[in-house]
C-alpha atoms as a PDB file:
ATOM      1  CA  MET A   1     -21.291  11.689   9.632  1.00  0.00           C
ATOM      2  CA  SER A   2     -19.528  12.437  12.560  1.00  0.00           C
ATOM      3  CA  ARG A   3     -18.924  16.031  14.181  1.00  0.00           C
ATOM      4  CA  PRO A   4     -15.858  16.883  15.765  1.00  0.00           C
ATOM      5  CA  PHE A   5     -16.356  15.837  19.705  1.00  0.00           C
ATOM      6  CA  PRO A   6     -14.733  19.187  21.897  1.00  0.00           C
ATOM      7  CA  ALA A   7     -10.762  19.565  22.598  1.00  0.00           C
ATOM      8  CA  VAL A   8      -9.580  17.992  26.026  1.00  0.00           C
ATOM      9  CA  SER A   9      -6.172  18.168  27.778  1.00  0.00           C
ATOM     10  CA  ALA A  10      -4.072  14.997  26.974  1.00  0.00           C
ATOM     11  CA  ASP A  11      -0.865  15.810  28.358  1.00  0.00           C
ATOM     12  CA  PRO A  12       0.851  18.884  29.734  1.00  0.00           C
ATOM     13  CA  GLY A  13       0.756  21.063  26.413  1.00  0.00           C
ATOM     14  CA  VAL A  14      -1.260  18.616  24.192  1.00  0.00           C
ATOM     15  CA  THR A  15      -5.121  18.907  23.387  1.00  0.00           C
ATOM     16  CA  ARG A  16      -6.786  15.869  21.594  1.00  0.00           C
ATOM     17  CA  GLN A  17      -9.832  16.227  19.897  1.00  0.00           C
ATOM     18  CA  VAL A  18     -11.835  13.385  18.486  1.00  0.00           C
ATOM     19  CA  LEU A  19     -12.693  14.556  14.745  1.00  0.00           C
ATOM     20  CA  ALA A  20     -14.748  11.527  13.361  1.00  0.00           C
ATOM     21  CA  GLU A  21     -15.151   7.811  14.787  1.00  0.00           C
ATOM     22  CA  THR A  22     -17.018   4.635  13.688  1.00  0.00           C
ATOM     23  CA  PRO A  23     -16.674   1.296  15.618  1.00  0.00           C
ATOM     24  CA  GLU A  24     -14.181   0.109  13.220  1.00  0.00           C
ATOM     25  CA  MET A  25     -11.981   3.530  12.804  1.00  0.00           C
ATOM     26  CA  MET A  26     -11.071   7.133  14.607  1.00  0.00           C
ATOM     27  CA  VAL A  27      -9.353   9.815  13.455  1.00  0.00           C
ATOM     28  CA  VAL A  28      -8.016  12.347  16.199  1.00  0.00           C
ATOM     29  CA  SER A  29      -6.244  15.656  16.229  1.00  0.00           C
ATOM     30  CA  PHE A  30      -3.597  16.163  18.439  1.00  0.00           C
ATOM     31  CA  ALA A  31      -2.098  19.858  18.981  1.00  0.00           C
ATOM     32  CA  PHE A  32       1.426  20.385  20.721  1.00  0.00           C
ATOM     33  CA  ARG A  33       2.994  23.240  22.316  1.00  0.00           C
ATOM     34  CA  THR A  34       6.936  23.139  21.697  1.00  0.00           C
ATOM     35  CA  GLY A  35       8.377  20.936  24.372  1.00  0.00           C
ATOM     36  CA  ALA A  36       5.088  18.984  24.679  1.00  0.00           C
ATOM     37  CA  VAL A  37       5.745  15.478  25.650  1.00  0.00           C
ATOM     38  CA  GLY A  38       3.449  12.805  24.446  1.00  0.00           C
ATOM     39  CA  ARG A  39       4.369  10.220  27.080  1.00  0.00           C
ATOM     40  CA  LYS A  40       5.453   6.874  25.992  1.00  0.00           C
ATOM     41  CA  HIS A  41       2.888   4.024  25.967  1.00  0.00           C
ATOM     42  CA  SER A  42       1.221   1.204  23.932  1.00  0.00           C
ATOM     43  CA  HIS A  43      -2.386   0.356  23.216  1.00  0.00           C
ATOM     44  CA  PRO A  44      -3.694  -2.926  20.831  1.00  0.00           C
ATOM     45  CA  HIS A  45      -4.892  -0.360  18.424  1.00  0.00           C
ATOM     46  CA  VAL A  46      -3.254   0.127  15.051  1.00  0.00           C
ATOM     47  CA  GLN A  47      -2.275   3.850  14.515  1.00  0.00           C
ATOM     48  CA  SER A  48      -1.527   6.079  11.736  1.00  0.00           C
ATOM     49  CA  THR A  49       0.473   9.315  12.528  1.00  0.00           C
ATOM     50  CA  TYR A  50       0.555  12.287   9.929  1.00  0.00           C
ATOM     51  CA  VAL A  51       2.291  15.492  10.791  1.00  0.00           C
ATOM     52  CA  ARG A  52       0.152  18.463   9.512  1.00  0.00           C
ATOM     53  CA  SER A  53       2.395  21.139  11.011  1.00  0.00           C
ATOM     54  CA  GLY A  54       5.519  21.271  13.537  1.00  0.00           C
ATOM     55  CA  ARG A  55       8.448  18.989  14.362  1.00  0.00           C
ATOM     56  CA  PHE A  56       8.568  16.238  16.534  1.00  0.00           C
ATOM     57  CA  ALA A  57      11.331  13.626  17.861  1.00  0.00           C
ATOM     58  CA  PHE A  58       9.068  10.387  17.639  1.00  0.00           C
ATOM     59  CA  HIS A  59      10.043   7.101  19.591  1.00  0.00           C
ATOM     60  CA  LEU A  60       9.257   4.264  18.079  1.00  0.00           C
ATOM     61  CA  ASP A  61      10.218   0.800  19.840  1.00  0.00           C
ATOM     62  CA  GLY A  62      13.240   2.396  21.345  1.00  0.00           C
ATOM     63  CA  THR A  63      14.206   4.197  17.876  1.00  0.00           C
ATOM     64  CA  GLU A  64      13.758   7.915  17.722  1.00  0.00           C
ATOM     65  CA  HIS A  65      12.458   9.447  14.228  1.00  0.00           C
ATOM     66  CA  LEU A  66      12.572  13.097  13.591  1.00  0.00           C
ATOM     67  CA  ILE A  67       9.463  13.995  11.487  1.00  0.00           C
ATOM     68  CA  GLY A  68       8.166  17.078  10.419  1.00  0.00           C
ATOM     69  CA  PRO A  69       5.329  18.385   7.996  1.00  0.00           C
ATOM     70  CA  GLY A  70       3.986  15.818   5.355  1.00  0.00           C
ATOM     71  CA  ASP A  71       5.639  13.008   7.230  1.00  0.00           C
ATOM     72  CA  SER A  72       3.720  10.048   8.793  1.00  0.00           C
ATOM     73  CA  LEU A  73       4.102   6.310  10.224  1.00  0.00           C
ATOM     74  CA  VAL A  74       2.254   3.367  11.112  1.00  0.00           C
ATOM     75  CA  ILE A  75       2.290   2.446  14.672  1.00  0.00           C
ATOM     76  CA  PRO A  76       1.702  -1.804  15.003  1.00  0.00           C
ATOM     77  CA  GLY A  77      -0.828  -2.600  18.048  1.00  0.00           C
ATOM     78  CA  SER A  78       0.947  -2.865  21.174  1.00  0.00           C
ATOM     79  CA  GLN A  79       4.467  -1.079  20.068  1.00  0.00           C
ATOM     80  CA  VAL A  80       5.728   1.363  22.632  1.00  0.00           C
ATOM     81  CA  HIS A  81       6.154   4.832  21.426  1.00  0.00           C
ATOM     82  CA  GLY A  82       5.401   8.332  22.360  1.00  0.00           C
ATOM     83  CA  CYS A  83       6.886  11.820  21.108  1.00  0.00           C
ATOM     84  CA  ARG A  84       8.618  15.231  22.128  1.00  0.00           C
ATOM     85  CA  CYS A  85       7.454  18.046  20.112  1.00  0.00           C
ATOM     86  CA  LEU A  86      10.511  20.447  18.902  1.00  0.00           C
ATOM     87  CA  GLU A  87       8.185  22.912  17.199  1.00  0.00           C
ATOM     88  CA  ALA A  88       4.884  23.698  17.632  1.00  0.00           C
ATOM     89  CA  GLY A  89       2.112  21.508  15.745  1.00  0.00           C
ATOM     90  CA  GLU A  90      -0.315  18.926  15.115  1.00  0.00           C
ATOM     91  CA  LEU A  91      -0.789  15.632  14.411  1.00  0.00           C
ATOM     92  CA  ILE A  92      -3.430  13.830  12.901  1.00  0.00           C
ATOM     93  CA  ASP A  93      -3.334  10.227  14.137  1.00  0.00           C
ATOM     94  CA  THR A  94      -5.965   7.603  13.012  1.00  0.00           C
ATOM     95  CA  PHE A  95      -6.642   4.626  14.912  1.00  0.00           C
ATOM     96  CA  ALA A  96      -8.091   0.765  13.758  1.00  0.00           C
ATOM     97  CA  PRO A  97     -10.281  -0.212  15.444  1.00  0.00           C
ATOM     98  CA  ARG A  98     -11.826   3.016  17.663  1.00  0.00           C
ATOM     99  CA  ARG A  99     -10.010   4.153  20.937  1.00  0.00           C
ATOM    100  CA  ASP A 100     -13.082   4.224  23.014  1.00  0.00           C
ATOM    101  CA  ASP A 101     -11.315   5.578  25.882  1.00  0.00           C
ATOM    102  CA  PHE A 102     -11.030   8.574  24.085  1.00  0.00           C
ATOM    103  CA  LEU A 103     -15.234   8.800  23.678  1.00  0.00           C
END
């Protein structure tokens, strides 16, 4: 069993906390203030994003998706993505394999 790591600043207005991890998978909480931006980026990991609370404009491969509580999406590895927080909230992201850069 993995214990949560301390919360750290990821981007202005965004905190990241690793909740659980194994070499094969990682679960991470991202807390956003209204107006905060998760900058566009890509990584080789497959990512599943679940909106626990708040509202987000999510950019995935050039398309904007408006998502809110209970919504989820899967981002294939190496696809450019990012988001803008429309209403303060939390995203729960799962990465496969683990994002070693978050440890």
